[in-house]
């Protein structure tokens, strides 16, 4: 049975992270890091989310961000 979707309140600060499946690498070459940061900038322009910090490592990444409105985190 699927879990209930979490609510994401606007104005709250969230720590978002993602890991590669089976601890595999997410970023394989230097250009992958640049591509991710470019996607992050593009997403920030589309959704009202303030990015405070991010950390990219070969097997996972972390974001510290604050969505402006309710539901903006999912957007």
N, C-alpha and C. Protein backbone atom coordinates (compact mmCIF):
# COMPACT_ATOMS: atom_id res chain seq x y z
N UNK A 1 0.84 -1.17 0.00
CA UNK A 1 0.00 0.00 0.00
C UNK A 1 0.90 1.24 0.00
N UNK A 2 0.65 2.21 -0.90
CA UNK A 2 1.50 3.40 -0.96
C UNK A 2 1.30 4.27 0.28
N UNK A 3 2.34 5.00 0.60
CA UNK A 3 2.24 5.89 1.76
C UNK A 3 1.50 7.16 1.38
N UNK A 4 0.97 7.83 2.37
CA UNK A 4 0.27 9.09 2.16
C UNK A 4 1.29 10.17 1.79
N UNK A 5 0.94 10.99 0.82
CA UNK A 5 1.83 12.07 0.41
C UNK A 5 2.05 13.04 1.56
N UNK A 6 3.28 13.51 1.70
CA UNK A 6 3.59 14.48 2.74
C UNK A 6 3.14 15.86 2.30
N UNK A 7 2.77 16.68 3.26
CA UNK A 7 2.42 18.06 2.96
C UNK A 7 3.69 18.90 3.05
N UNK A 8 3.79 19.88 2.21
CA UNK A 8 4.94 20.76 2.22
C UNK A 8 4.44 22.19 2.38
N UNK A 9 4.54 22.70 3.58
CA UNK A 9 4.05 24.04 3.88
C UNK A 9 5.01 25.09 3.36
N UNK A 10 4.45 26.13 2.79
CA UNK A 10 5.26 27.24 2.33
C UNK A 10 5.89 27.97 3.50
N UNK A 11 7.09 28.47 3.29
CA UNK A 11 7.79 29.23 4.33
C UNK A 11 8.64 28.39 5.25
N UNK A 12 8.48 27.07 5.21
CA UNK A 12 9.30 26.18 6.04
C UNK A 12 10.59 25.83 5.30
N UNK A 13 11.64 25.53 6.04
CA UNK A 13 12.91 25.15 5.44
C UNK A 13 12.99 23.62 5.40
N UNK A 14 13.40 23.08 4.26
CA UNK A 14 13.46 21.63 4.06
C UNK A 14 14.87 21.19 3.66
N UNK A 15 15.26 20.03 4.18
CA UNK A 15 16.49 19.37 3.75
C UNK A 15 16.05 18.26 2.81
N UNK A 16 16.39 18.38 1.54
CA UNK A 16 16.00 17.41 0.52
C UNK A 16 17.26 16.69 0.06
N UNK A 17 17.19 15.37 -0.06
CA UNK A 17 18.35 14.63 -0.53
C UNK A 17 17.92 13.50 -1.42
N UNK A 18 18.85 13.01 -2.20
CA UNK A 18 18.60 11.87 -3.08
C UNK A 18 19.89 11.09 -3.23
N UNK A 19 19.77 9.76 -3.25
CA UNK A 19 20.93 8.88 -3.41
C UNK A 19 20.75 8.02 -4.65
N UNK A 20 21.86 7.58 -5.20
CA UNK A 20 21.81 6.66 -6.33
C UNK A 20 21.32 5.29 -5.89
N UNK A 21 20.63 4.60 -6.77
CA UNK A 21 20.16 3.24 -6.46
C UNK A 21 21.34 2.33 -6.16
N UNK A 22 21.21 1.53 -5.10
CA UNK A 22 22.27 0.59 -4.77
C UNK A 22 23.60 1.25 -4.50
N UNK A 23 23.57 2.48 -4.00
CA UNK A 23 24.78 3.27 -3.73
C UNK A 23 25.64 3.49 -4.98
N UNK A 24 25.01 3.48 -6.14
CA UNK A 24 25.73 3.77 -7.39
C UNK A 24 25.92 5.26 -7.54
N UNK A 25 26.86 5.64 -8.36
CA UNK A 25 27.18 7.04 -8.60
C UNK A 25 26.02 7.73 -9.33
N UNK A 26 25.74 8.95 -8.91
CA UNK A 26 24.77 9.81 -9.57
C UNK A 26 25.50 10.69 -10.58
N UNK A 27 26.66 11.18 -10.18
CA UNK A 27 27.48 12.05 -11.02
C UNK A 27 28.71 11.27 -11.46
N UNK A 28 28.81 11.00 -12.74
CA UNK A 28 29.91 10.17 -13.26
C UNK A 28 31.08 10.96 -13.82
N UNK A 29 30.81 12.18 -14.27
CA UNK A 29 31.87 13.01 -14.85
C UNK A 29 31.64 14.47 -14.44
N UNK A 30 32.64 15.32 -14.56
CA UNK A 30 32.50 16.71 -14.11
C UNK A 30 31.32 17.45 -14.74
N UNK A 31 31.01 17.16 -15.99
CA UNK A 31 29.89 17.82 -16.65
C UNK A 31 28.55 17.49 -16.03
N UNK A 32 28.44 16.35 -15.35
CA UNK A 32 27.19 15.98 -14.68
C UNK A 32 26.86 16.96 -13.55
N UNK A 33 27.88 17.43 -12.84
CA UNK A 33 27.66 18.40 -11.77
C UNK A 33 27.13 19.72 -12.34
N UNK A 34 27.72 20.15 -13.44
CA UNK A 34 27.28 21.38 -14.09
C UNK A 34 25.85 21.24 -14.61
N UNK A 35 25.54 20.10 -15.21
CA UNK A 35 24.18 19.87 -15.71
C UNK A 35 23.17 19.93 -14.57
N UNK A 36 23.51 19.36 -13.42
CA UNK A 36 22.60 19.38 -12.27
C UNK A 36 22.39 20.81 -11.79
N UNK A 37 23.45 21.59 -11.67
CA UNK A 37 23.31 22.97 -11.20
C UNK A 37 22.49 23.79 -12.20
N UNK A 38 22.66 23.53 -13.49
CA UNK A 38 21.85 24.23 -14.49
C UNK A 38 20.37 23.87 -14.34
N UNK A 39 20.07 22.60 -14.08
CA UNK A 39 18.69 22.18 -13.84
C UNK A 39 18.13 22.82 -12.58
N UNK A 40 18.96 22.93 -11.57
CA UNK A 40 18.53 23.55 -10.31
C UNK A 40 18.17 25.02 -10.53
N UNK A 41 18.97 25.73 -11.29
CA UNK A 41 18.69 27.15 -11.60
C UNK A 41 17.40 27.26 -12.40
N UNK A 42 17.23 26.40 -13.40
CA UNK A 42 16.02 26.44 -14.23
C UNK A 42 14.78 26.14 -13.39
N UNK A 43 14.88 25.17 -12.49
CA UNK A 43 13.74 24.83 -11.63
C UNK A 43 13.42 25.98 -10.68
N UNK A 44 14.44 26.64 -10.20
CA UNK A 44 14.22 27.76 -9.27
C UNK A 44 13.53 28.93 -9.99
N UNK A 45 13.77 29.09 -11.28
CA UNK A 45 13.10 30.13 -12.04
C UNK A 45 11.63 29.80 -12.28
N UNK A 46 11.29 28.51 -12.35
CA UNK A 46 9.91 28.07 -12.60
C UNK A 46 9.07 28.02 -11.34
N UNK A 47 9.66 27.64 -10.23
CA UNK A 47 8.93 27.48 -8.97
C UNK A 47 9.47 28.47 -7.94
N UNK A 48 8.58 28.93 -7.09
CA UNK A 48 8.96 29.91 -6.07
C UNK A 48 9.61 29.19 -4.89
N UNK A 49 10.89 28.85 -5.06
CA UNK A 49 11.65 28.15 -4.03
C UNK A 49 12.99 28.84 -3.86
N UNK A 50 13.32 29.16 -2.62
CA UNK A 50 14.62 29.78 -2.32
C UNK A 50 15.60 28.67 -1.94
N UNK A 51 16.73 28.63 -2.64
CA UNK A 51 17.77 27.63 -2.35
C UNK A 51 18.82 28.29 -1.48
N UNK A 52 19.00 27.77 -0.27
CA UNK A 52 20.00 28.31 0.65
C UNK A 52 21.37 27.68 0.42
N UNK A 53 21.38 26.38 0.18
CA UNK A 53 22.65 25.67 0.02
C UNK A 53 22.40 24.36 -0.72
N UNK A 54 23.46 23.88 -1.36
CA UNK A 54 23.40 22.55 -1.95
C UNK A 54 24.78 21.92 -1.87
N UNK A 55 24.80 20.60 -1.84
CA UNK A 55 26.05 19.85 -1.79
C UNK A 55 25.90 18.67 -2.73
N UNK A 56 26.79 18.57 -3.70
CA UNK A 56 26.76 17.50 -4.68
C UNK A 56 27.95 16.59 -4.46
N UNK A 57 27.68 15.32 -4.28
CA UNK A 57 28.73 14.32 -4.08
C UNK A 57 28.52 13.21 -5.10
N UNK A 58 29.53 12.42 -5.38
CA UNK A 58 29.39 11.43 -6.46
C UNK A 58 28.17 10.52 -6.34
N UNK A 59 27.80 10.11 -5.13
CA UNK A 59 26.72 9.14 -4.98
C UNK A 59 25.41 9.73 -4.48
N UNK A 60 25.38 11.02 -4.11
CA UNK A 60 24.15 11.64 -3.65
C UNK A 60 24.27 13.15 -3.64
N UNK A 61 23.14 13.81 -3.39
CA UNK A 61 23.13 15.27 -3.27
C UNK A 61 22.18 15.71 -2.16
N UNK A 62 22.41 16.94 -1.67
CA UNK A 62 21.59 17.55 -0.62
C UNK A 62 21.20 18.95 -1.07
N UNK A 63 19.98 19.36 -0.72
CA UNK A 63 19.52 20.73 -0.94
C UNK A 63 18.93 21.24 0.37
N UNK A 64 19.16 22.50 0.66
CA UNK A 64 18.51 23.18 1.78
C UNK A 64 17.71 24.31 1.16
N UNK A 65 16.39 24.20 1.24
CA UNK A 65 15.55 25.18 0.53
C UNK A 65 14.27 25.51 1.27
N UNK A 66 13.65 26.61 0.80
CA UNK A 66 12.39 27.06 1.40
C UNK A 66 11.41 27.41 0.27
N UNK A 67 10.33 26.61 0.15
CA UNK A 67 9.30 26.95 -0.83
C UNK A 67 8.49 28.15 -0.34
N UNK A 68 8.07 29.00 -1.27
CA UNK A 68 7.33 30.20 -0.90
C UNK A 68 5.90 29.87 -0.47
N UNK A 69 5.20 29.03 -1.23
CA UNK A 69 3.81 28.73 -0.92
C UNK A 69 3.60 27.24 -0.69
N UNK A 70 2.44 26.91 -0.18
CA UNK A 70 2.09 25.51 0.02
C UNK A 70 2.11 24.78 -1.33
N UNK A 71 2.73 23.62 -1.39
CA UNK A 71 2.79 22.85 -2.61
C UNK A 71 3.92 23.22 -3.56
N UNK A 72 4.64 24.31 -3.29
CA UNK A 72 5.73 24.73 -4.18
C UNK A 72 6.92 23.78 -4.14
N UNK A 73 7.08 23.04 -3.07
CA UNK A 73 8.19 22.09 -2.98
C UNK A 73 8.05 21.01 -4.04
N UNK A 74 6.85 20.50 -4.23
CA UNK A 74 6.63 19.46 -5.23
C UNK A 74 6.79 20.03 -6.65
N UNK A 75 6.46 21.28 -6.84
CA UNK A 75 6.58 21.88 -8.18
C UNK A 75 8.03 21.96 -8.58
